[in-house]
Amino acid sequence: MENTVEKLEALFAKAERDLDFMSRTLRSEFAAQFEESGEEELNPVHLVSRLSRARTRLETLRSERVRCEEERAKVEDELRVLTTANGNLLRSLQVKAGLK
């Protein structure tokens, strides 16, 4: 059993090394190819990186939007309460002053 686990660990380690090698190779090939053509911004590696950053930023903006909507609703509720209270106070003062 222990021997099998060691073999599996070795296979995973080799697969990870192979993936790292392929990743470095692709990055360098893409970088060279797109630098030569003057279209560095079209480099797929950079595009994937930019897309990842954009997705993260979008999630942040979504959570901020939800928070802002909650705060807006609270402010609207407080404003409604204050407006009603001020209206009632104004009517009360008008009655006391004999204006109504």
PDB file of N, CA and C in Angstrom:
ATOM      1  N   MET A   1       0.826  -1.190   0.000  1.00  0.00           N
ATOM      2  CA  MET A   1       0.000   0.000   0.000  1.00  0.00           C
ATOM      3  C   MET A   1       0.874   1.259   0.000  1.00  0.00           C
ATOM      4  N   GLU A   2       1.895   1.255   0.845  1.00  0.00           N
ATOM      5  CA  GLU A   2       2.783   2.403   0.958  1.00  0.00           C
ATOM      6  C   GLU A   2       3.529   2.622  -0.352  1.00  0.00           C
ATOM      7  N   ASN A   3       3.909   1.537  -0.995  1.00  0.00           N
ATOM      8  CA  ASN A   3       4.610   1.617  -2.266  1.00  0.00           C
ATOM      9  C   ASN A   3       3.712   2.246  -3.335  1.00  0.00           C
ATOM     10  N   THR A   4       2.450   1.889  -3.346  1.00  0.00           N
ATOM     11  CA  THR A   4       1.490   2.439  -4.302  1.00  0.00           C
ATOM     12  C   THR A   4       1.312   3.931  -4.079  1.00  0.00           C
ATOM     13  N   VAL A   5       1.221   4.341  -2.830  1.00  0.00           N
ATOM     14  CA  VAL A   5       1.073   5.755  -2.498  1.00  0.00           C
ATOM     15  C   VAL A   5       2.304   6.532  -2.957  1.00  0.00           C
ATOM     16  N   GLU A   6       3.474   5.968  -2.740  1.00  0.00           N
ATOM     17  CA  GLU A   6       4.708   6.625  -3.177  1.00  0.00           C
ATOM     18  C   GLU A   6       4.745   6.761  -4.695  1.00  0.00           C
ATOM     19  N   LYS A   7       4.272   5.731  -5.404  1.00  0.00           N
ATOM     20  CA  LYS A   7       4.242   5.795  -6.865  1.00  0.00           C
ATOM     21  C   LYS A   7       3.275   6.886  -7.325  1.00  0.00           C
ATOM     22  N   LEU A   8       2.119   6.959  -6.681  1.00  0.00           N
ATOM     23  CA  LEU A   8       1.149   7.993  -7.024  1.00  0.00           C
ATOM     24  C   LEU A   8       1.715   9.392  -6.759  1.00  0.00           C
ATOM     25  N   GLU A   9       2.367   9.557  -5.627  1.00  0.00           N
ATOM     26  CA  GLU A   9       2.977  10.849  -5.306  1.00  0.00           C
ATOM     27  C   GLU A   9       4.023  11.227  -6.347  1.00  0.00           C
ATOM     28  N   ALA A  10       4.804  10.245  -6.778  1.00  0.00           N
ATOM     29  CA  ALA A  10       5.825  10.502  -7.792  1.00  0.00           C
ATOM     30  C   ALA A  10       5.177  10.885  -9.121  1.00  0.00           C
ATOM     31  N   LEU A  11       4.075  10.214  -9.469  1.00  0.00           N
ATOM     32  CA  LEU A  11       3.362  10.546 -10.705  1.00  0.00           C
ATOM     33  C   LEU A  11       2.803  11.971 -10.657  1.00  0.00           C
ATOM     34  N   PHE A  12       2.222  12.330  -9.514  1.00  0.00           N
ATOM     35  CA  PHE A  12       1.684  13.692  -9.364  1.00  0.00           C
ATOM     36  C   PHE A  12       2.803  14.729  -9.414  1.00  0.00           C
ATOM     37  N   ALA A  13       3.910  14.435  -8.795  1.00  0.00           N
ATOM     38  CA  ALA A  13       5.040  15.360  -8.817  1.00  0.00           C
ATOM     39  C   ALA A  13       5.550  15.533 -10.247  1.00  0.00           C
ATOM     40  N   LYS A  14       5.645  14.431 -10.994  1.00  0.00           N
ATOM     41  CA  LYS A  14       6.088  14.507 -12.392  1.00  0.00           C
ATOM     42  C   LYS A  14       5.081  15.287 -13.224  1.00  0.00           C
ATOM     43  N   ALA A  15       3.809  15.036 -13.021  1.00  0.00           N
ATOM     44  CA  ALA A  15       2.779  15.764 -13.771  1.00  0.00           C
ATOM     45  C   ALA A  15       2.859  17.257 -13.478  1.00  0.00           C
ATOM     46  N   GLU A  16       3.088  17.608 -12.229  1.00  0.00           N
ATOM     47  CA  GLU A  16       3.204  19.023 -11.863  1.00  0.00           C
ATOM     48  C   GLU A  16       4.428  19.661 -12.523  1.00  0.00           C
ATOM     49  N   ARG A  17       5.547  18.944 -12.523  1.00  0.00           N
ATOM     50  CA  ARG A  17       6.753  19.456 -13.186  1.00  0.00           C
ATOM     51  C   ARG A  17       6.517  19.626 -14.685  1.00  0.00           C
ATOM     52  N   ASP A  18       5.850  18.647 -15.292  1.00  0.00           N
ATOM     53  CA  ASP A  18       5.545  18.725 -16.724  1.00  0.00           C
ATOM     54  C   ASP A  18       4.654  19.922 -17.034  1.00  0.00           C
ATOM     55  N   LEU A  19       3.646  20.147 -16.200  1.00  0.00           N
ATOM     56  CA  LEU A  19       2.753  21.293 -16.402  1.00  0.00           C
ATOM     57  C   LEU A  19       3.503  22.609 -16.235  1.00  0.00           C
ATOM     58  N   ASP A  20       4.375  22.688 -15.258  1.00  0.00           N
ATOM     59  CA  ASP A  20       5.180  23.893 -15.067  1.00  0.00           C
ATOM     60  C   ASP A  20       6.057  24.142 -16.295  1.00  0.00           C
ATOM     61  N   PHE A  21       6.678  23.075 -16.800  1.00  0.00           N
ATOM     62  CA  PHE A  21       7.535  23.210 -17.980  1.00  0.00           C
ATOM     63  C   PHE A  21       6.732  23.691 -19.185  1.00  0.00           C
ATOM     64  N   MET A  22       5.559  23.074 -19.404  1.00  0.00           N
ATOM     65  CA  MET A  22       4.727  23.471 -20.542  1.00  0.00           C
ATOM     66  C   MET A  22       4.251  24.914 -20.391  1.00  0.00           C
ATOM     67  N   SER A  23       3.918  25.286 -19.192  1.00  0.00           N
ATOM     68  CA  SER A  23       3.470  26.655 -18.936  1.00  0.00           C
ATOM     69  C   SER A  23       4.580  27.652 -19.254  1.00  0.00           C
ATOM     70  N   ARG A  24       5.782  27.383 -18.775  1.00  0.00           N
ATOM     71  CA  ARG A  24       6.917  28.276 -19.058  1.00  0.00           C
ATOM     72  C   ARG A  24       7.209  28.328 -20.552  1.00  0.00           C
ATOM     73  N   THR A  25       7.144  27.173 -21.209  1.00  0.00           N
ATOM     74  CA  THR A  25       7.415  27.115 -22.646  1.00  0.00           C
ATOM     75  C   THR A  25       6.383  27.929 -23.420  1.00  0.00           C
ATOM     76  N   LEU A  26       5.112  27.735 -23.094  1.00  0.00           N
ATOM     77  CA  LEU A  26       4.059  28.490 -23.785  1.00  0.00           C
ATOM     78  C   LEU A  26       4.197  29.983 -23.536  1.00  0.00           C
ATOM     79  N   ARG A  27       4.485  30.351 -22.297  1.00  0.00           N
ATOM     80  CA  ARG A  27       4.647  31.776 -21.984  1.00  0.00           C
ATOM     81  C   ARG A  27       5.769  32.392 -22.815  1.00  0.00           C
ATOM     82  N   SER A  28       6.897  31.688 -22.871  1.00  0.00           N
ATOM     83  CA  SER A  28       8.030  32.255 -23.619  1.00  0.00           C
ATOM     84  C   SER A  28       7.745  32.265 -25.123  1.00  0.00           C
ATOM     85  N   GLU A  29       7.106  31.219 -25.638  1.00  0.00           N
ATOM     86  CA  GLU A  29       6.776  31.190 -27.059  1.00  0.00           C
ATOM     87  C   GLU A  29       5.785  32.287 -27.420  1.00  0.00           C
ATOM     88  N   PHE A  30       4.726  32.431 -26.607  1.00  0.00           N
ATOM     89  CA  PHE A  30       3.736  33.476 -26.870  1.00  0.00           C
ATOM     90  C   PHE A  30       4.369  34.851 -26.757  1.00  0.00           C
ATOM     91  N   ALA A  31       5.187  35.034 -25.735  1.00  0.00           N
ATOM     92  CA  ALA A  31       5.828  36.334 -25.548  1.00  0.00           C
ATOM     93  C   ALA A  31       6.680  36.685 -26.757  1.00  0.00           C
ATOM     94  N   ALA A  32       7.471  35.727 -27.227  1.00  0.00           N
ATOM     95  CA  ALA A  32       8.336  35.984 -28.382  1.00  0.00           C
ATOM     96  C   ALA A  32       7.502  36.245 -29.631  1.00  0.00           C
ATOM     97  N   GLN A  33       6.492  35.442 -29.841  1.00  0.00           N
ATOM     98  CA  GLN A  33       5.664  35.560 -31.049  1.00  0.00           C
ATOM     99  C   GLN A  33       4.952  36.912 -31.096  1.00  0.00           C
ATOM    100  N   PHE A  34       4.362  37.326 -29.994  1.00  0.00           N
ATOM    101  CA  PHE A  34       3.568  38.549 -30.005  1.00  0.00           C
ATOM    102  C   PHE A  34       4.424  39.800 -29.857  1.00  0.00           C
ATOM    103  N   GLU A  35       5.609  39.670 -29.285  1.00  0.00           N
ATOM    104  CA  GLU A  35       6.513  40.818 -29.236  1.00  0.00           C
ATOM    105  C   GLU A  35       7.040  41.129 -30.626  1.00  0.00           C
ATOM    106  N   GLU A  36       7.328  40.085 -31.396  1.00  0.00           N
ATOM    107  CA  GLU A  36       7.850  40.270 -32.753  1.00  0.00           C
ATOM    108  C   GLU A  36       6.821  40.962 -33.642  1.00  0.00           C
ATOM    109  N   SER A  37       5.551  40.608 -33.466  1.00  0.00           N
ATOM    110  CA  SER A  37       4.509  41.180 -34.325  1.00  0.00           C
ATOM    111  C   SER A  37       4.029  42.534 -33.806  1.00  0.00           C
ATOM    112  N   GLY A  38       4.499  42.934 -32.635  1.00  0.00           N
ATOM    113  CA  GLY A  38       4.091  44.215 -32.076  1.00  0.00           C
ATOM    114  C   GLY A  38       2.689  44.188 -31.491  1.00  0.00           C
ATOM    115  N   GLU A  39       2.155  43.021 -31.231  1.00  0.00           N
ATOM    116  CA  GLU A  39       0.800  42.876 -30.694  1.00  0.00           C
ATOM    117  C   GLU A  39       0.843  42.211 -29.325  1.00  0.00           C
ATOM    118  N   GLU A  40       1.672  42.751 -28.450  1.00  0.00           N
ATOM    119  CA  GLU A  40       1.859  42.173 -27.116  1.00  0.00           C
ATOM    120  C   GLU A  40       0.533  42.067 -26.357  1.00  0.00           C
ATOM    121  N   GLU A  41      -0.375  43.041 -26.560  1.00  0.00           N
ATOM    122  CA  GLU A  41      -1.644  43.016 -25.828  1.00  0.00           C
ATOM    123  C   GLU A  41      -2.539  41.857 -26.248  1.00  0.00           C
ATOM    124  N   LEU A  42      -2.234  41.207 -27.390  1.00  0.00           N
ATOM    125  CA  LEU A  42      -3.017  40.060 -27.841  1.00  0.00           C
ATOM    126  C   LEU A  42      -2.448  38.727 -27.364  1.00  0.00           C
ATOM    127  N   ASN A  43      -1.367  38.773 -26.620  1.00  0.00           N
ATOM    128  CA  ASN A  43      -0.743  37.563 -26.100  1.00  0.00           C
ATOM    129  C   ASN A  43      -1.770  36.813 -25.247  1.00  0.00           C
ATOM    130  N   PRO A  44      -2.102  35.555 -25.601  1.00  0.00           N
ATOM    131  CA  PRO A  44      -3.111  34.801 -24.861  1.00  0.00           C
ATOM    132  C   PRO A  44      -2.815  34.689 -23.366  1.00  0.00           C
ATOM    133  N   VAL A  45      -1.564  34.591 -23.010  1.00  0.00           N
ATOM    134  CA  VAL A  45      -1.216  34.494 -21.591  1.00  0.00           C
ATOM    135  C   VAL A  45      -1.627  35.784 -20.874  1.00  0.00           C
ATOM    136  N   HIS A  46      -1.328  36.921 -21.510  1.00  0.00           N
ATOM    137  CA  HIS A  46      -1.713  38.201 -20.911  1.00  0.00           C
ATOM    138  C   HIS A  46      -3.227  38.370 -20.902  1.00  0.00           C
ATOM    139  N   LEU A  47      -3.887  37.905 -21.964  1.00  0.00           N
ATOM    140  CA  LEU A  47      -5.338  38.016 -22.029  1.00  0.00           C
ATOM    141  C   LEU A  47      -5.998  37.209 -20.923  1.00  0.00           C
ATOM    142  N   VAL A  48      -5.501  36.015 -20.679  1.00  0.00           N
ATOM    143  CA  VAL A  48      -6.058  35.174 -19.612  1.00  0.00           C
ATOM    144  C   VAL A  48      -5.831  35.842 -18.258  1.00  0.00           C
ATOM    145  N   SER A  49      -4.662  36.414 -18.072  1.00  0.00           N
ATOM    146  CA  SER A  49      -4.349  37.107 -16.826  1.00  0.00           C
ATOM    147  C   SER A  49      -5.264  38.316 -16.646  1.00  0.00           C
ATOM    148  N   ARG A  50      -5.448  39.088 -17.720  1.00  0.00           N
ATOM    149  CA  ARG A  50      -6.324  40.260 -17.642  1.00  0.00           C
ATOM    150  C   ARG A  50      -7.764  39.839 -17.384  1.00  0.00           C
ATOM    151  N   LEU A  51      -8.191  38.755 -18.006  1.00  0.00           N
ATOM    152  CA  LEU A  51      -9.545  38.260 -17.796  1.00  0.00           C
ATOM    153  C   LEU A  51      -9.748  37.838 -16.350  1.00  0.00           C
ATOM    154  N   SER A  52      -8.769  37.181 -15.782  1.00  0.00           N
ATOM    155  CA  SER A  52      -8.843  36.766 -14.381  1.00  0.00           C
ATOM    156  C   SER A  52      -8.959  37.983 -13.462  1.00  0.00           C
ATOM    157  N   ARG A  53      -8.146  39.008 -13.726  1.00  0.00           N
ATOM    158  CA  ARG A  53      -8.212  40.235 -12.915  1.00  0.00           C
ATOM    159  C   ARG A  53      -9.560  40.916 -13.081  1.00  0.00           C
ATOM    160  N   ALA A  54     -10.084  40.913 -14.309  1.00  0.00           N
ATOM    161  CA  ALA A  54     -11.381  41.545 -14.564  1.00  0.00           C
ATOM    162  C   ALA A  54     -12.495  40.805 -13.824  1.00  0.00           C
ATOM    163  N   ARG A  55     -12.430  39.487 -13.811  1.00  0.00           N
ATOM    164  CA  ARG A  55     -13.449  38.707 -13.087  1.00  0.00           C
ATOM    165  C   ARG A  55     -13.405  38.997 -11.591  1.00  0.00           C
ATOM    166  N   THR A  56     -12.205  39.086 -11.054  1.00  0.00           N
ATOM    167  CA  THR A  56     -12.052  39.399  -9.638  1.00  0.00           C
ATOM    168  C   THR A  56     -12.618  40.781  -9.346  1.00  0.00           C
ATOM    169  N   ARG A  57     -12.286  41.746 -10.197  1.00  0.00           N
ATOM    170  CA  ARG A  57     -12.780  43.119 -10.017  1.00  0.00           C
ATOM    171  C   ARG A  57     -14.303  43.164 -10.131  1.00  0.00           C
ATOM    172  N   LEU A  58     -14.866  42.388 -11.065  1.00  0.00           N
ATOM    173  CA  LEU A  58     -16.311  42.345 -11.233  1.00  0.00           C
ATOM    174  C   LEU A  58     -16.985  41.825  -9.972  1.00  0.00           C
ATOM    175  N   GLU A  59     -16.434  40.783  -9.384  1.00  0.00           N
ATOM    176  CA  GLU A  59     -16.997  40.253  -8.139  1.00  0.00           C
ATOM    177  C   GLU A  59     -16.951  41.303  -7.030  1.00  0.00           C
ATOM    178  N   THR A  60     -15.835  42.027  -6.954  1.00  0.00           N
ATOM    179  CA  THR A  60     -15.707  43.088  -5.962  1.00  0.00           C
ATOM    180  C   THR A  60     -16.762  44.156  -6.193  1.00  0.00           C
ATOM    181  N   LEU A  61     -16.930  44.552  -7.442  1.00  0.00           N
ATOM    182  CA  LEU A  61     -17.928  45.571  -7.764  1.00  0.00           C
ATOM    183  C   LEU A  61     -19.337  45.095  -7.469  1.00  0.00           C
ATOM    184  N   ARG A  62     -19.606  43.831  -7.721  1.00  0.00           N
ATOM    185  CA  ARG A  62     -20.937  43.292  -7.411  1.00  0.00           C
ATOM    186  C   ARG A  62     -21.209  43.347  -5.913  1.00  0.00           C
ATOM    187  N   SER A  63     -20.241  42.968  -5.110  1.00  0.00           N
ATOM    188  CA  SER A  63     -20.458  42.997  -3.662  1.00  0.00           C
ATOM    189  C   SER A  63     -20.599  44.440  -3.173  1.00  0.00           C
ATOM    190  N   GLU A  64     -19.841  45.369  -3.771  1.00  0.00           N
ATOM    191  CA  GLU A  64     -19.989  46.778  -3.403  1.00  0.00           C
ATOM    192  C   GLU A  64     -21.360  47.306  -3.798  1.00  0.00           C
ATOM    193  N   ARG A  65     -21.844  46.886  -4.959  1.00  0.00           N
ATOM    194  CA  ARG A  65     -23.173  47.316  -5.414  1.00  0.00           C
ATOM    195  C   ARG A  65     -24.248  46.841  -4.445  1.00  0.00           C
ATOM    196  N   VAL A  66     -24.158  45.608  -4.018  1.00  0.00           N
ATOM    197  CA  VAL A  66     -25.137  45.076  -3.063  1.00  0.00           C
ATOM    198  C   VAL A  66     -25.085  45.875  -1.764  1.00  0.00           C
ATOM    199  N   ARG A  67     -23.875  46.157  -1.297  1.00  0.00           N
ATOM    200  CA  ARG A  67     -23.730  46.933  -0.068  1.00  0.00           C
ATOM    201  C   ARG A  67     -24.310  48.337  -0.238  1.00  0.00           C
ATOM    202  N   CYS A  68     -24.051  48.954  -1.383  1.00  0.00           N
ATOM    203  CA  CYS A  68     -24.579  50.298  -1.649  1.00  0.00           C
ATOM    204  C   CYS A  68     -26.107  50.293  -1.719  1.00  0.00           C
ATOM    205  N   GLU A  69     -26.678  49.267  -2.328  1.00  0.00           N
ATOM    206  CA  GLU A  69     -28.140  49.168  -2.395  1.00  0.00           C
ATOM    207  C   GLU A  69     -28.742  49.028  -1.005  1.00  0.00           C
ATOM    208  N   GLU A  70     -28.097  48.251  -0.151  1.00  0.00           N
ATOM    209  CA  GLU A  70     -28.583  48.091   1.221  1.00  0.00           C
ATOM    210  C   GLU A  70     -28.510  49.418   1.977  1.00  0.00           C
ATOM    211  N   GLU A  71     -27.408  50.127   1.810  1.00  0.00           N
ATOM    212  CA  GLU A  71     -27.248  51.432   2.470  1.00  0.00           C
ATOM    213  C   GLU A  71     -28.261  52.437   1.937  1.00  0.00           C
ATOM    214  N   ARG A  72     -28.487  52.427   0.632  1.00  0.00           N
ATOM    215  CA  ARG A  72     -29.466  53.338   0.030  1.00  0.00           C
ATOM    216  C   ARG A  72     -30.854  53.073   0.594  1.00  0.00           C
ATOM    217  N   ALA A  73     -31.215  51.802   0.723  1.00  0.00           N
ATOM    218  CA  ALA A  73     -32.524  51.457   1.278  1.00  0.00           C
ATOM    219  C   ALA A  73     -32.644  51.953   2.722  1.00  0.00           C
ATOM    220  N   LYS A  74     -31.582  51.810   3.505  1.00  0.00           N
ATOM    221  CA  LYS A  74     -31.607  52.299   4.888  1.00  0.00           C
ATOM    222  C   LYS A  74     -31.797  53.813   4.923  1.00  0.00           C
ATOM    223  N   VAL A  75     -31.060  54.529   4.066  1.00  0.00           N
ATOM    224  CA  VAL A  75     -31.164  55.991   4.038  1.00  0.00           C
ATOM    225  C   VAL A  75     -32.570  56.412   3.616  1.00  0.00           C
ATOM    226  N   GLU A  76     -33.134  55.727   2.621  1.00  0.00           N
ATOM    227  CA  GLU A  76     -34.496  56.053   2.187  1.00  0.00           C
ATOM    228  C   GLU A  76     -35.492  55.847   3.324  1.00  0.00           C
ATOM    229  N   ASP A  77     -35.336  54.751   4.056  1.00  0.00           N
ATOM    230  CA  ASP A  77     -36.233  54.488   5.189  1.00  0.00           C
ATOM    231  C   ASP A  77     -36.092  55.567   6.255  1.00  0.00           C
ATOM    232  N   GLU A  78     -34.865  55.932   6.579  1.00  0.00           N
ATOM    233  CA  GLU A  78     -34.635  56.975   7.583  1.00  0.00           C
ATOM    234  C   GLU A  78     -35.190  58.311   7.105  1.00  0.00           C
ATOM    235  N   LEU A  79     -35.001  58.624   5.844  1.00  0.00           N
ATOM    236  CA  LEU A  79     -35.523  59.868   5.289  1.00  0.00           C
ATOM    237  C   LEU A  79     -37.049  59.893   5.341  1.00  0.00           C
ATOM    238  N   ARG A  80     -37.662  58.778   5.028  1.00  0.00           N
ATOM    239  CA  ARG A  80     -39.124  58.676   5.084  1.00  0.00           C
ATOM    240  C   ARG A  80     -39.616  58.917   6.506  1.00  0.00           C
ATOM    241  N   VAL A  81     -38.957  58.309   7.478  1.00  0.00           N
ATOM    242  CA  VAL A  81     -39.350  58.480   8.876  1.00  0.00           C
ATOM    243  C   VAL A  81     -39.173  59.941   9.300  1.00  0.00           C
ATOM    244  N   LEU A  82     -38.035  60.527   8.952  1.00  0.00           N
ATOM    245  CA  LEU A  82     -37.773  61.919   9.326  1.00  0.00           C
ATOM    246  C   LEU A  82     -38.739  62.878   8.645  1.00  0.00           C
ATOM    247  N   THR A  83     -39.039  62.639   7.389  1.00  0.00           N
ATOM    248  CA  THR A  83     -39.974  63.505   6.665  1.00  0.00           C
ATOM    249  C   THR A  83     -41.359  63.432   7.285  1.00  0.00           C
ATOM    250  N   THR A  84     -41.791  62.253   7.625  1.00  0.00           N
ATOM    251  CA  THR A  84     -43.099  62.082   8.281  1.00  0.00           C
ATOM    252  C   THR A  84     -43.113  62.779   9.632  1.00  0.00           C
ATOM    253  N   ALA A  85     -42.051  62.582  10.408  1.00  0.00           N
ATOM    254  CA  ALA A  85     -41.976  63.210  11.724  1.00  0.00           C
ATOM    255  C   ALA A  85     -41.954  64.735  11.600  1.00  0.00           C
ATOM    256  N   ASN A  86     -41.193  65.266  10.646  1.00  0.00           N
ATOM    257  CA  ASN A  86     -41.143  66.716  10.442  1.00  0.00           C
ATOM    258  C   ASN A  86     -42.490  67.262   9.979  1.00  0.00           C
ATOM    259  N   GLY A  87     -43.171  66.527   9.114  1.00  0.00           N
ATOM    260  CA  GLY A  87     -44.516  66.941   8.671  1.00  0.00           C
ATOM    261  C   GLY A  87     -45.484  66.997   9.833  1.00  0.00           C
ATOM    262  N   ASN A  88     -45.433  65.974  10.674  1.00  0.00           N
ATOM    263  CA  ASN A  88     -46.306  65.946  11.859  1.00  0.00           C
ATOM    264  C   ASN A  88     -45.976  67.096  12.803  1.00  0.00           C
ATOM    265  N   LEU A  89     -44.702  67.360  13.003  1.00  0.00           N
ATOM    266  CA  LEU A  89     -44.283  68.457  13.872  1.00  0.00           C
ATOM    267  C   LEU A  89     -44.739  69.795  13.300  1.00  0.00           C
ATOM    268  N   LEU A  90     -44.613  69.978  12.016  1.00  0.00           N
ATOM    269  CA  LEU A  90     -45.041  71.215  11.370  1.00  0.00           C
ATOM    270  C   LEU A  90     -46.542  71.424  11.524  1.00  0.00           C
ATOM    271  N   ARG A  91     -47.340  70.367  11.307  1.00  0.00           N
ATOM    272  CA  ARG A  91     -48.790  70.486  11.498  1.00  0.00           C
ATOM    273  C   ARG A  91     -49.130  70.826  12.944  1.00  0.00           C
ATOM    274  N   SER A  92     -48.408  70.194  13.865  1.00  0.00           N
ATOM    275  CA  SER A  92     -48.640  70.476  15.283  1.00  0.00           C
ATOM    276  C   SER A  92     -48.332  71.933  15.606  1.00  0.00           C
ATOM    277  N   LEU A  93     -47.237  72.443  15.090  1.00  0.00           N
ATOM    278  CA  LEU A  93     -46.865  73.841  15.332  1.00  0.00           C
ATOM    279  C   LEU A  93     -47.857  74.791  14.676  1.00  0.00           C
ATOM    280  N   GLN A  94     -48.356  74.445  13.499  1.00  0.00           N
ATOM    281  CA  GLN A  94     -49.344  75.283  12.831  1.00  0.00           C
ATOM    282  C   GLN A  94     -50.637  75.364  13.647  1.00  0.00           C
ATOM    283  N   VAL A  95     -51.049  74.208  14.208  1.00  0.00           N
ATOM    284  CA  VAL A  95     -52.244  74.172  15.025  1.00  0.00           C
ATOM    285  C   VAL A  95     -52.057  75.042  16.258  1.00  0.00           C
ATOM    286  N   LYS A  96     -50.919  74.917  16.923  1.00  0.00           N
ATOM    287  CA  LYS A  96     -50.622  75.695  18.129  1.00  0.00           C
ATOM    288  C   LYS A  96     -50.544  77.186  17.828  1.00  0.00           C
ATOM    289  N   ALA A  97     -50.055  77.524  16.633  1.00  0.00           N
ATOM    290  CA  ALA A  97     -49.925  78.923  16.271  1.00  0.00           C
ATOM    291  C   ALA A  97     -51.240  79.494  15.716  1.00  0.00           C
ATOM    292  N   GLY A  98     -52.220  78.631  15.565  1.00  0.00           N
ATOM    293  CA  GLY A  98     -53.525  79.065  15.082  1.00  0.00           C
ATOM    294  C   GLY A  98     -53.572  79.260  13.575  1.00  0.00           C
ATOM    295  N   LEU A  99     -52.649  78.662  12.863  1.00  0.00           N
ATOM    296  CA  LEU A  99     -52.624  78.798  11.406  1.00  0.00           C
ATOM    297  C   LEU A  99     -53.519  77.774  10.731  1.00  0.00           C
ATOM    298  N   LYS A 100     -53.996  76.826  11.470  1.00  0.00           N
ATOM    299  CA  LYS A 100     -54.893  75.816  10.904  1.00  0.00           C
ATOM    300  C   LYS A 100     -56.044  75.570  11.823  1.00  0.00           C
TER     301      LYS A 100
END
